[in-house]
């Protein structure tokens, strides 16, 4: 599965989107609800007006996800960028996204101001009235990798060599709002299945802990398919995708049964591999000790409960490998 596609599909649900905002921004307080969110074009960019020409877009950027979020009589724009790997220019990238959104808003205001004959000369020149206001914009970066070793602000990617300290204070900084999923301990701030998704990803490298997590939580017995796919995609557990069809019903997937099946299959494969090694070991030991082939075949039948034909099949295979 394409991770970006899976993530976008999952978080496109406004309930989950609102839950992500509440968990990351408000520490779990239920400030934003799914009904407060409106979809927006994920395309943003820099807008410019040229003398005698219509306003046009000078550059295009595409966010992963973006929503208009109603807050009382006002609203803010909240975007989400998902990262599986570290992006070392993330401070600049998110700054460009946010600036592009502010430019988009300013362009819309500019068109209205230019058509308003009551504005002052300064307002007409600015394309912005004295009392005009832009709506706030926030970008959340959700990181699914193991370790974010990149900068978390703009200053971290600037070269300050020989730059006086006094000058640094004049150079504006820009921070990223980073959620490291694998290090996020308090998933109780989430009320939706984001908790199960993030916990599964967070525990994915601890096989025992993962098994206890899934088998001890009823929520994993009936996961939305989108949530299941997202949890699996970001842990590279392709086997769980392969068995999903056997545990899906009415758009829900039983993660408990899927994981248990894989564990049992792994044990079965391990037992079969051990049995194969035991058979080969016995044949080789008998060959080294000069035991006849007839007696070796008889031992295979007696110790491993196989038919005479199967015993001779194993015997001939091992002898062939030895001769090779």
C-alpha atoms as a PDB file:
ATOM      1  CA  UNK A   1       0.000   0.000   0.000  1.00  0.00           C
ATOM      2  CA  UNK A   2       1.092   3.573  -0.654  1.00  0.00           C
ATOM      3  CA  UNK A   3       1.521   5.008   2.813  1.00  0.00           C
ATOM      4  CA  UNK A   4       0.548   8.556   1.856  1.00  0.00           C
ATOM      5  CA  UNK A   5      -2.641   7.347   0.185  1.00  0.00           C
ATOM      6  CA  UNK A   6      -3.596   5.218   3.189  1.00  0.00           C
ATOM      7  CA  UNK A   7      -2.888   8.039   5.643  1.00  0.00           C
ATOM      8  CA  UNK A   8      -4.805  10.629   3.648  1.00  0.00           C
ATOM      9  CA  UNK A   9      -7.776   8.282   3.274  1.00  0.00           C
ATOM     10  CA  UNK A  10      -7.817   7.551   6.999  1.00  0.00           C
ATOM     11  CA  UNK A  11      -7.402  11.129   8.232  1.00  0.00           C
ATOM     12  CA  UNK A  12      -9.809  12.512   5.658  1.00  0.00           C
ATOM     13  CA  UNK A  13     -12.479  11.415   8.101  1.00  0.00           C
ATOM     14  CA  UNK A  14     -13.382  14.648   9.895  1.00  0.00           C
ATOM     15  CA  UNK A  15     -13.943  12.839  13.184  1.00  0.00           C
ATOM     16  CA  UNK A  16     -10.358  11.570  13.204  1.00  0.00           C
ATOM     17  CA  UNK A  17      -9.053  14.923  11.954  1.00  0.00           C
ATOM     18  CA  UNK A  18     -10.790  16.730  14.809  1.00  0.00           C
ATOM     19  CA  UNK A  19      -9.495  14.101  17.257  1.00  0.00           C
ATOM     20  CA  UNK A  20      -5.934  14.656  16.023  1.00  0.00           C
ATOM     21  CA  UNK A  21      -6.290  18.415  16.587  1.00  0.00           C
ATOM     22  CA  UNK A  22      -7.794  17.941  20.045  1.00  0.00           C
ATOM     23  CA  UNK A  23      -5.096  15.474  21.058  1.00  0.00           C
ATOM     24  CA  UNK A  24      -2.078  17.376  19.742  1.00  0.00           C
ATOM     25  CA  UNK A  25      -3.150  20.990  20.226  1.00  0.00           C
ATOM     26  CA  UNK A  26      -5.536  20.829  23.187  1.00  0.00           C
ATOM     27  CA  UNK A  27      -4.149  17.864  25.132  1.00  0.00           C
ATOM     28  CA  UNK A  28      -7.325  15.845  24.707  1.00  0.00           C
ATOM     29  CA  UNK A  29      -9.888  18.544  25.506  1.00  0.00           C
ATOM     30  CA  UNK A  30     -12.850  18.246  23.142  1.00  0.00           C
ATOM     31  CA  UNK A  31     -12.615  21.711  21.612  1.00  0.00           C
ATOM     32  CA  UNK A  32     -13.055  20.779  17.950  1.00  0.00           C
ATOM     33  CA  UNK A  33     -15.689  18.421  16.533  1.00  0.00           C
ATOM     34  CA  UNK A  34     -16.005  16.817  13.129  1.00  0.00           C
ATOM     35  CA  UNK A  35     -18.914  19.102  12.224  1.00  0.00           C
ATOM     36  CA  UNK A  36     -16.618  22.111  12.721  1.00  0.00           C
ATOM     37  CA  UNK A  37     -14.391  21.067   9.812  1.00  0.00           C
ATOM     38  CA  UNK A  38     -14.791  21.985   6.161  1.00  0.00           C
ATOM     39  CA  UNK A  39     -12.733  20.612   3.283  1.00  0.00           C
ATOM     40  CA  UNK A  40     -10.360  22.891   1.396  1.00  0.00           C
ATOM     41  CA  UNK A  41      -8.318  22.610  -1.761  1.00  0.00           C
ATOM     42  CA  UNK A  42      -4.979  21.074  -0.767  1.00  0.00           C
ATOM     43  CA  UNK A  43      -3.269  23.194  -3.420  1.00  0.00           C
ATOM     44  CA  UNK A  44      -1.665  26.355  -2.115  1.00  0.00           C
ATOM     45  CA  UNK A  45       1.015  28.708  -3.372  1.00  0.00           C
ATOM     46  CA  UNK A  46       2.189  32.259  -3.772  1.00  0.00           C
ATOM     47  CA  UNK A  47      -0.269  34.697  -5.254  1.00  0.00           C
ATOM     48  CA  UNK A  48       0.653  37.963  -6.943  1.00  0.00           C
ATOM     49  CA  UNK A  49      -1.208  40.772  -8.680  1.00  0.00           C
ATOM     50  CA  UNK A  50       0.459  42.391 -11.669  1.00  0.00           C
ATOM     51  CA  UNK A  51      -0.458  45.834 -13.063  1.00  0.00           C
ATOM     52  CA  UNK A  52      -3.169  45.493 -15.685  1.00  0.00           C
ATOM     53  CA  UNK A  53      -3.470  41.757 -15.182  1.00  0.00           C
ATOM     54  CA  UNK A  54      -5.687  39.505 -13.119  1.00  0.00           C
ATOM     55  CA  UNK A  55      -4.444  37.961  -9.891  1.00  0.00           C
ATOM     56  CA  UNK A  56      -2.676  34.728 -10.663  1.00  0.00           C
ATOM     57  CA  UNK A  57      -0.832  31.998  -8.836  1.00  0.00           C
ATOM     58  CA  UNK A  58       2.959  32.144  -9.156  1.00  0.00           C
ATOM     59  CA  UNK A  59       3.808  28.779  -7.598  1.00  0.00           C
ATOM     60  CA  UNK A  60       1.972  25.634  -6.573  1.00  0.00           C
ATOM     61  CA  UNK A  61       2.363  23.503  -3.470  1.00  0.00           C
ATOM     62  CA  UNK A  62       0.210  20.608  -2.341  1.00  0.00           C
ATOM     63  CA  UNK A  63      -0.511  19.841   1.278  1.00  0.00           C
ATOM     64  CA  UNK A  64      -1.294  16.291   2.398  1.00  0.00           C
ATOM     65  CA  UNK A  65      -4.454  17.414   4.174  1.00  0.00           C
ATOM     66  CA  UNK A  66      -5.989  20.761   5.096  1.00  0.00           C
ATOM     67  CA  UNK A  67      -9.244  21.781   6.764  1.00  0.00           C
ATOM     68  CA  UNK A  68     -11.033  24.999   7.661  1.00  0.00           C
ATOM     69  CA  UNK A  69     -11.869  24.698  11.357  1.00  0.00           C
ATOM     70  CA  UNK A  70     -14.725  26.772  12.775  1.00  0.00           C
ATOM     71  CA  UNK A  71     -14.018  28.260  16.202  1.00  0.00           C
ATOM     72  CA  UNK A  72     -16.878  30.409  17.415  1.00  0.00           C
ATOM     73  CA  UNK A  73     -17.461  33.217  14.914  1.00  0.00           C
ATOM     74  CA  UNK A  74     -13.946  32.775  13.552  1.00  0.00           C
ATOM     75  CA  UNK A  75     -12.034  29.947  11.929  1.00  0.00           C
ATOM     76  CA  UNK A  76      -8.473  28.789  11.469  1.00  0.00           C
ATOM     77  CA  UNK A  77      -6.775  26.732   8.745  1.00  0.00           C
ATOM     78  CA  UNK A  78      -5.132  23.546  10.018  1.00  0.00           C
ATOM     79  CA  UNK A  79      -3.022  21.405   7.714  1.00  0.00           C
ATOM     80  CA  UNK A  80      -1.477  17.993   8.344  1.00  0.00           C
ATOM     81  CA  UNK A  81       1.747  16.736   6.789  1.00  0.00           C
ATOM     82  CA  UNK A  82       2.613  13.068   7.264  1.00  0.00           C
ATOM     83  CA  UNK A  83       6.246  11.961   7.192  1.00  0.00           C
ATOM     84  CA  UNK A  84       7.553   8.420   7.147  1.00  0.00           C
ATOM     85  CA  UNK A  85      11.118   9.694   6.789  1.00  0.00           C
ATOM     86  CA  UNK A  86      12.815  12.806   8.128  1.00  0.00           C
ATOM     87  CA  UNK A  87      12.537  15.850   5.871  1.00  0.00           C
ATOM     88  CA  UNK A  88      15.512  18.052   6.725  1.00  0.00           C
ATOM     89  CA  UNK A  89      13.906  21.144   5.188  1.00  0.00           C
ATOM     90  CA  UNK A  90      10.635  20.685   7.078  1.00  0.00           C
ATOM     91  CA  UNK A  91      10.806  24.083   8.843  1.00  0.00           C
ATOM     92  CA  UNK A  92      11.063  25.820   5.473  1.00  0.00           C
ATOM     93  CA  UNK A  93       8.494  23.528   3.890  1.00  0.00           C
ATOM     94  CA  UNK A  94       5.819  24.174   6.531  1.00  0.00           C
ATOM     95  CA  UNK A  95       6.607  27.885   6.502  1.00  0.00           C
ATOM     96  CA  UNK A  96       6.028  27.958   2.735  1.00  0.00           C
ATOM     97  CA  UNK A  97       2.718  26.113   3.161  1.00  0.00           C
ATOM     98  CA  UNK A  98       1.533  28.603   5.763  1.00  0.00           C
ATOM     99  CA  UNK A  99       2.758  31.632   3.853  1.00  0.00           C
ATOM    100  CA  UNK A 100       1.039  30.270   0.744  1.00  0.00           C
ATOM    101  CA  UNK A 101      -2.234  30.059   2.660  1.00  0.00           C
ATOM    102  CA  UNK A 102      -1.855  33.622   3.948  1.00  0.00           C
ATOM    103  CA  UNK A 103      -1.076  34.770   0.397  1.00  0.00           C
ATOM    104  CA  UNK A 104      -4.207  32.992  -0.838  1.00  0.00           C
ATOM    105  CA  UNK A 105      -6.328  34.808   1.731  1.00  0.00           C
ATOM    106  CA  UNK A 106      -4.616  38.131   0.983  1.00  0.00           C
ATOM    107  CA  UNK A 107      -5.265  37.706  -2.748  1.00  0.00           C
ATOM    108  CA  UNK A 108      -8.993  37.260  -2.115  1.00  0.00           C
ATOM    109  CA  UNK A 109      -9.050  40.398   0.051  1.00  0.00           C
ATOM    110  CA  UNK A 110      -6.982  42.275  -2.529  1.00  0.00           C
ATOM    111  CA  UNK A 111      -9.595  41.669  -5.237  1.00  0.00           C
ATOM    112  CA  UNK A 112     -12.333  43.094  -3.051  1.00  0.00           C
ATOM    113  CA  UNK A 113     -10.258  46.103  -2.002  1.00  0.00           C
ATOM    114  CA  UNK A 114      -9.307  47.002  -5.575  1.00  0.00           C
ATOM    115  CA  UNK A 115     -13.001  47.020  -6.496  1.00  0.00           C
ATOM    116  CA  UNK A 116     -13.957  49.212  -3.514  1.00  0.00           C
ATOM    117  CA  UNK A 117     -13.995  52.922  -4.402  1.00  0.00           C
ATOM    118  CA  UNK A 118     -14.272  53.987  -0.742  1.00  0.00           C
ATOM    119  CA  UNK A 119     -10.834  52.756   0.327  1.00  0.00           C
ATOM    120  CA  UNK A 120      -7.964  55.116   1.117  1.00  0.00           C
ATOM    121  CA  UNK A 121      -4.913  55.447  -1.099  1.00  0.00           C
ATOM    122  CA  UNK A 122      -2.854  53.419   1.382  1.00  0.00           C
ATOM    123  CA  UNK A 123      -5.466  50.653   1.470  1.00  0.00           C
ATOM    124  CA  UNK A 124      -5.699  50.580  -2.328  1.00  0.00           C
ATOM    125  CA  UNK A 125      -1.912  50.428  -2.632  1.00  0.00           C
ATOM    126  CA  UNK A 126      -1.731  47.630  -0.025  1.00  0.00           C
ATOM    127  CA  UNK A 127      -4.683  45.739  -1.390  1.00  0.00           C
ATOM    128  CA  UNK A 128      -5.581  45.402   2.279  1.00  0.00           C
ATOM    129  CA  UNK A 129      -7.759  47.556   4.477  1.00  0.00           C
ATOM    130  CA  UNK A 130      -6.587  48.865   7.830  1.00  0.00           C
ATOM    131  CA  UNK A 131      -9.106  46.616   9.596  1.00  0.00           C
ATOM    132  CA  UNK A 132      -8.707  43.596   7.275  1.00  0.00           C
ATOM    133  CA  UNK A 133      -7.526  40.418   8.968  1.00  0.00           C
ATOM    134  CA  UNK A 134      -6.164  37.056   7.839  1.00  0.00           C
ATOM    135  CA  UNK A 135      -7.323  33.832   9.430  1.00  0.00           C
ATOM    136  CA  UNK A 136      -4.649  31.939  11.435  1.00  0.00           C
ATOM    137  CA  UNK A 137      -2.953  28.965   9.827  1.00  0.00           C
ATOM    138  CA  UNK A 138      -1.311  25.991  11.566  1.00  0.00           C
ATOM    139  CA  UNK A 139       0.533  22.974  10.129  1.00  0.00           C
ATOM    140  CA  UNK A 140       0.887  19.761  12.141  1.00  0.00           C
ATOM    141  CA  UNK A 141       3.669  17.349  11.158  1.00  0.00           C
ATOM    142  CA  UNK A 142       2.906  13.706  11.997  1.00  0.00           C
ATOM    143  CA  UNK A 143       6.094  11.606  11.927  1.00  0.00           C
ATOM    144  CA  UNK A 144       5.852   7.798  11.812  1.00  0.00           C
ATOM    145  CA  UNK A 145       9.576   7.017  11.624  1.00  0.00           C
ATOM    146  CA  UNK A 146      11.892   5.947  14.423  1.00  0.00           C
ATOM    147  CA  UNK A 147      13.883   9.101  15.144  1.00  0.00           C
ATOM    148  CA  UNK A 148      13.449  12.707  14.056  1.00  0.00           C
ATOM    149  CA  UNK A 149      17.020  13.967  13.856  1.00  0.00           C
ATOM    150  CA  UNK A 150      16.211  17.034  11.766  1.00  0.00           C
ATOM    151  CA  UNK A 151      15.740  20.599  12.880  1.00  0.00           C
ATOM    152  CA  UNK A 152      12.505  21.649  14.530  1.00  0.00           C
ATOM    153  CA  UNK A 153      12.797  25.315  13.611  1.00  0.00           C
ATOM    154  CA  UNK A 154      14.079  27.581  10.860  1.00  0.00           C
ATOM    155  CA  UNK A 155      17.124  28.727  12.832  1.00  0.00           C
ATOM    156  CA  UNK A 156      18.273  25.104  12.926  1.00  0.00           C
ATOM    157  CA  UNK A 157      18.813  25.078   9.155  1.00  0.00           C
ATOM    158  CA  UNK A 158      20.438  28.528   8.907  1.00  0.00           C
ATOM    159  CA  UNK A 159      24.207  29.035   8.840  1.00  0.00           C
ATOM    160  CA  UNK A 160      25.010  31.451  11.668  1.00  0.00           C
ATOM    161  CA  UNK A 161      28.779  31.192  11.273  1.00  0.00           C
ATOM    162  CA  UNK A 162      30.343  34.585  12.216  1.00  0.00           C
ATOM    163  CA  UNK A 163      26.866  36.139  12.459  1.00  0.00           C
ATOM    164  CA  UNK A 164      26.851  38.434  15.538  1.00  0.00           C
ATOM    165  CA  UNK A 165      24.460  37.463  18.300  1.00  0.00           C
ATOM    166  CA  UNK A 166      22.736  40.836  18.031  1.00  0.00           C
ATOM    167  CA  UNK A 167      21.933  40.109  14.370  1.00  0.00           C
ATOM    168  CA  UNK A 168      20.492  36.689  15.177  1.00  0.00           C
ATOM    169  CA  UNK A 169      17.811  38.330  17.270  1.00  0.00           C
ATOM    170  CA  UNK A 170      16.562  40.147  14.175  1.00  0.00           C
ATOM    171  CA  UNK A 171      16.287  36.966  12.119  1.00  0.00           C
ATOM    172  CA  UNK A 172      12.767  35.604  12.567  1.00  0.00           C
ATOM    173  CA  UNK A 173      12.430  31.970  13.527  1.00  0.00           C
ATOM    174  CA  UNK A 174       9.737  29.494  12.508  1.00  0.00           C
ATOM    175  CA  UNK A 175       8.954  26.322  14.451  1.00  0.00           C
ATOM    176  CA  UNK A 176       7.376  23.095  13.285  1.00  0.00           C
ATOM    177  CA  UNK A 177       4.683  21.368  15.351  1.00  0.00           C
ATOM    178  CA  UNK A 178       5.914  17.785  15.381  1.00  0.00           C
ATOM    179  CA  UNK A 179       4.100  14.671  16.607  1.00  0.00           C
ATOM    180  CA  UNK A 180       6.486  11.700  16.807  1.00  0.00           C
ATOM    181  CA  UNK A 181       4.044   8.790  16.815  1.00  0.00           C
ATOM    182  CA  UNK A 182       6.525   6.156  18.037  1.00  0.00           C
ATOM    183  CA  UNK A 183       7.513   8.320  21.012  1.00  0.00           C
ATOM    184  CA  UNK A 184       4.039   9.588  21.866  1.00  0.00           C
ATOM    185  CA  UNK A 185       3.268   7.917  25.187  1.00  0.00           C
ATOM    186  CA  UNK A 186      -0.040   9.461  26.237  1.00  0.00           C
ATOM    187  CA  UNK A 187      -2.348   8.229  23.498  1.00  0.00           C
ATOM    188  CA  UNK A 188      -5.263   8.530  25.932  1.00  0.00           C
ATOM    189  CA  UNK A 189      -5.673  12.100  24.619  1.00  0.00           C
ATOM    190  CA  UNK A 190      -7.285  10.561  21.527  1.00  0.00           C
ATOM    191  CA  UNK A 191     -10.935   9.486  21.597  1.00  0.00           C
ATOM    192  CA  UNK A 192     -11.158   7.908  18.140  1.00  0.00           C
ATOM    193  CA  UNK A 193      -9.345   4.868  16.733  1.00  0.00           C
ATOM    194  CA  UNK A 194      -6.289   7.094  16.303  1.00  0.00           C
ATOM    195  CA  UNK A 195      -5.381   5.737  19.737  1.00  0.00           C
ATOM    196  CA  UNK A 196      -5.374   2.146  18.437  1.00  0.00           C
ATOM    197  CA  UNK A 197      -3.532   3.167  15.252  1.00  0.00           C
ATOM    198  CA  UNK A 198      -0.785   5.083  17.058  1.00  0.00           C
ATOM    199  CA  UNK A 199      -0.437   2.450  19.803  1.00  0.00           C
ATOM    200  CA  UNK A 200      -0.072  -0.315  17.202  1.00  0.00           C
ATOM    201  CA  UNK A 201       2.631   1.644  15.347  1.00  0.00           C
ATOM    202  CA  UNK A 202       4.341   2.596  18.599  1.00  0.00           C
ATOM    203  CA  UNK A 203       4.493  -1.016  19.821  1.00  0.00           C
ATOM    204  CA  UNK A 204       5.156  -2.659  16.456  1.00  0.00           C
ATOM    205  CA  UNK A 205       8.774  -3.627  17.176  1.00  0.00           C
ATOM    206  CA  UNK A 206       7.923  -5.196  20.536  1.00  0.00           C
ATOM    207  CA  UNK A 207       6.283  -8.460  19.434  1.00  0.00           C
ATOM    208  CA  UNK A 208       5.268  -9.547  22.929  1.00  0.00           C
ATOM    209  CA  UNK A 209       4.008  -6.090  23.857  1.00  0.00           C
ATOM    210  CA  UNK A 210       2.125  -5.806  20.571  1.00  0.00           C
ATOM    211  CA  UNK A 211       0.392  -9.119  21.113  1.00  0.00           C
ATOM    212  CA  UNK A 212      -0.649  -8.095  24.628  1.00  0.00           C
ATOM    213  CA  UNK A 213      -1.838  -4.709  23.345  1.00  0.00           C
ATOM    214  CA  UNK A 214      -4.045  -6.159  20.612  1.00  0.00           C
ATOM    215  CA  UNK A 215      -5.398  -9.167  22.485  1.00  0.00           C
ATOM    216  CA  UNK A 216      -6.158  -7.113  25.591  1.00  0.00           C
ATOM    217  CA  UNK A 217      -8.181  -4.398  23.849  1.00  0.00           C
ATOM    218  CA  UNK A 218     -11.624  -5.090  22.428  1.00  0.00           C
ATOM    219  CA  UNK A 219     -11.308  -2.100  20.078  1.00  0.00           C
ATOM    220  CA  UNK A 220      -8.901  -4.136  17.923  1.00  0.00           C
ATOM    221  CA  UNK A 221     -11.566  -6.800  17.376  1.00  0.00           C
ATOM    222  CA  UNK A 222     -13.610  -4.483  15.159  1.00  0.00           C
ATOM    223  CA  UNK A 223     -11.407  -1.852  13.533  1.00  0.00           C
ATOM    224  CA  UNK A 224     -12.519   0.301  10.627  1.00  0.00           C
ATOM    225  CA  UNK A 225     -10.763  -0.922   7.511  1.00  0.00           C
ATOM    226  CA  UNK A 226      -9.133   2.495   6.965  1.00  0.00           C
ATOM    227  CA  UNK A 227      -7.724   2.417  10.489  1.00  0.00           C
ATOM    228  CA  UNK A 228      -6.499  -1.166  10.062  1.00  0.00           C
ATOM    229  CA  UNK A 229      -4.775  -0.297   6.782  1.00  0.00           C
ATOM    230  CA  UNK A 230      -3.058   2.741   8.289  1.00  0.00           C
ATOM    231  CA  UNK A 231      -1.807   0.850  11.346  1.00  0.00           C
ATOM    232  CA  UNK A 232      -0.424  -1.916   9.135  1.00  0.00           C
ATOM    233  CA  UNK A 233       1.071   0.372   6.447  1.00  0.00           C
ATOM    234  CA  UNK A 234       3.261   2.263   8.889  1.00  0.00           C
ATOM    235  CA  UNK A 235       4.616  -0.911  10.474  1.00  0.00           C
ATOM    236  CA  UNK A 236       5.452  -2.622   7.149  1.00  0.00           C
ATOM    237  CA  UNK A 237       3.390  -5.628   8.283  1.00  0.00           C
ATOM    238  CA  UNK A 238       2.504  -6.790   4.783  1.00  0.00           C
ATOM    239  CA  UNK A 239       1.403 -10.188   6.116  1.00  0.00           C
ATOM    240  CA  UNK A 240      -1.483  -8.494   7.938  1.00  0.00           C
ATOM    241  CA  UNK A 241      -2.674  -7.027   4.654  1.00  0.00           C
ATOM    242  CA  UNK A 242      -2.540 -10.493   3.084  1.00  0.00           C
ATOM    243  CA  UNK A 243      -4.806 -12.009   5.746  1.00  0.00           C
ATOM    244  CA  UNK A 244      -7.160  -9.020   6.044  1.00  0.00           C
ATOM    245  CA  UNK A 245      -9.685 -10.478   3.613  1.00  0.00           C
ATOM    246  CA  UNK A 246     -10.260 -13.451   5.925  1.00  0.00           C
ATOM    247  CA  UNK A 247     -11.108 -11.253   8.911  1.00  0.00           C
ATOM    248  CA  UNK A 248     -13.146  -8.466   7.311  1.00  0.00           C
ATOM    249  CA  UNK A 249     -16.879  -8.071   7.686  1.00  0.00           C
ATOM    250  CA  UNK A 250     -19.108  -5.076   6.971  1.00  0.00           C
ATOM    251  CA  UNK A 251     -16.142  -2.695   6.650  1.00  0.00           C
ATOM    252  CA  UNK A 252     -14.624  -3.857   9.951  1.00  0.00           C
ATOM    253  CA  UNK A 253     -11.499  -5.958  10.457  1.00  0.00           C
ATOM    254  CA  UNK A 254     -10.666  -8.160  13.451  1.00  0.00           C
ATOM    255  CA  UNK A 255      -7.040  -7.297  14.146  1.00  0.00           C
ATOM    256  CA  UNK A 256      -6.936  -9.758  17.076  1.00  0.00           C
ATOM    257  CA  UNK A 257      -7.732 -12.774  14.895  1.00  0.00           C
ATOM    258  CA  UNK A 258      -5.491 -11.589  12.053  1.00  0.00           C
ATOM    259  CA  UNK A 259      -2.504 -11.177  14.361  1.00  0.00           C
ATOM    260  CA  UNK A 260      -3.188 -14.458  16.181  1.00  0.00           C
ATOM    261  CA  UNK A 261      -3.368 -16.298  12.861  1.00  0.00           C
ATOM    262  CA  UNK A 262       0.011 -14.916  11.829  1.00  0.00           C
ATOM    263  CA  UNK A 263       1.559 -15.862  15.170  1.00  0.00           C
ATOM    264  CA  UNK A 264       0.216 -19.420  14.909  1.00  0.00           C
ATOM    265  CA  UNK A 265       1.327 -19.668  11.292  1.00  0.00           C
ATOM    266  CA  UNK A 266       4.794 -18.527  12.333  1.00  0.00           C
ATOM    267  CA  UNK A 267       4.899 -21.166  15.058  1.00  0.00           C
ATOM    268  CA  UNK A 268       3.736 -23.808  12.590  1.00  0.00           C
ATOM    269  CA  UNK A 269       6.439 -22.813  10.115  1.00  0.00           C
ATOM    270  CA  UNK A 270       8.980 -22.916  12.910  1.00  0.00           C
ATOM    271  CA  UNK A 271       7.890 -26.403  13.937  1.00  0.00           C
ATOM    272  CA  UNK A 272       7.979 -27.601  10.343  1.00  0.00           C
ATOM    273  CA  UNK A 273      11.424 -26.113   9.825  1.00  0.00           C
ATOM    274  CA  UNK A 274      12.640 -27.807  13.005  1.00  0.00           C
ATOM    275  CA  UNK A 275      11.191 -31.122  11.865  1.00  0.00           C
ATOM    276  CA  UNK A 276      12.932 -30.803   8.494  1.00  0.00           C
ATOM    277  CA  UNK A 277      16.225 -30.118  10.235  1.00  0.00           C
ATOM    278  CA  UNK A 278      15.704 -33.078  12.549  1.00  0.00           C
ATOM    279  CA  UNK A 279      15.067 -35.435   9.618  1.00  0.00           C
ATOM    280  CA  UNK A 280      18.114 -34.229   7.708  1.00  0.00           C
ATOM    281  CA  UNK A 281      20.259 -34.454  10.846  1.00  0.00           C
ATOM    282  CA  UNK A 282      19.262 -38.065  11.508  1.00  0.00           C
ATOM    283  CA  UNK A 283      20.001 -39.099   7.902  1.00  0.00           C
ATOM    284  CA  UNK A 284      23.431 -37.430   7.931  1.00  0.00           C
ATOM    285  CA  UNK A 285      24.324 -39.000  11.302  1.00  0.00           C
ATOM    286  CA  UNK A 286      23.343 -42.442  10.022  1.00  0.00           C
ATOM    287  CA  UNK A 287      25.368 -41.983   6.836  1.00  0.00           C
ATOM    288  CA  UNK A 288      28.430 -41.018   8.860  1.00  0.00           C
ATOM    289  CA  UNK A 289      27.992 -44.048  11.150  1.00  0.00           C
ATOM    290  CA  UNK A 290      27.637 -46.447   8.191  1.00  0.00           C
ATOM    291  CA  UNK A 291      24.028 -47.355   8.953  1.00  0.00           C
ATOM    292  CA  UNK A 292      22.369 -48.960   5.940  1.00  0.00           C
ATOM    293  CA  UNK A 293      19.843 -47.037   3.889  1.00  0.00           C
ATOM    294  CA  UNK A 294      17.115 -49.594   4.654  1.00  0.00           C
ATOM    295  CA  UNK A 295      17.641 -49.217   8.395  1.00  0.00           C
ATOM    296  CA  UNK A 296      17.776 -45.397   8.100  1.00  0.00           C
ATOM    297  CA  UNK A 297      14.489 -45.362   6.197  1.00  0.00           C
ATOM    298  CA  UNK A 298      12.965 -47.605   8.863  1.00  0.00           C
ATOM    299  CA  UNK A 299      14.090 -45.184  11.620  1.00  0.00           C
ATOM    300  CA  UNK A 300      12.530 -42.258   9.773  1.00  0.00           C
ATOM    301  CA  UNK A 301       9.212 -44.093   9.621  1.00  0.00           C
ATOM    302  CA  UNK A 302       9.403 -45.023  13.302  1.00  0.00           C
ATOM    303  CA  UNK A 303      10.573 -41.671  14.758  1.00  0.00           C
ATOM    304  CA  UNK A 304       8.764 -39.238  12.459  1.00  0.00           C
ATOM    305  CA  UNK A 305       5.631 -41.239  11.645  1.00  0.00           C
ATOM    306  CA  UNK A 306       6.050 -40.981   7.880  1.00  0.00           C
ATOM    307  CA  UNK A 307       5.296 -43.502   5.159  1.00  0.00           C
ATOM    308  CA  UNK A 308       8.020 -45.656   3.632  1.00  0.00           C
ATOM    309  CA  UNK A 309       7.799 -43.778   0.338  1.00  0.00           C
ATOM    310  CA  UNK A 310       8.201 -40.423   2.142  1.00  0.00           C
ATOM    311  CA  UNK A 311      11.168 -41.733   4.124  1.00  0.00           C
ATOM    312  CA  UNK A 312      12.957 -42.828   0.949  1.00  0.00           C
ATOM    313  CA  UNK A 313      12.124 -39.465  -0.649  1.00  0.00           C
ATOM    314  CA  UNK A 314      13.872 -37.643   2.209  1.00  0.00           C
ATOM    315  CA  UNK A 315      16.760 -40.096   2.168  1.00  0.00           C
ATOM    316  CA  UNK A 316      17.400 -39.705  -1.572  1.00  0.00           C
ATOM    317  CA  UNK A 317      17.185 -35.895  -1.323  1.00  0.00           C
ATOM    318  CA  UNK A 318      19.778 -35.688   1.461  1.00  0.00           C
ATOM    319  CA  UNK A 319      22.097 -38.169  -0.284  1.00  0.00           C
ATOM    320  CA  UNK A 320      21.790 -36.128  -3.484  1.00  0.00           C
ATOM    321  CA  UNK A 321      22.743 -32.953  -1.597  1.00  0.00           C
ATOM    322  CA  UNK A 322      25.731 -34.715  -0.031  1.00  0.00           C
ATOM    323  CA  UNK A 323      26.967 -35.940  -3.411  1.00  0.00           C
ATOM    324  CA  UNK A 324      26.573 -32.420  -4.850  1.00  0.00           C
END
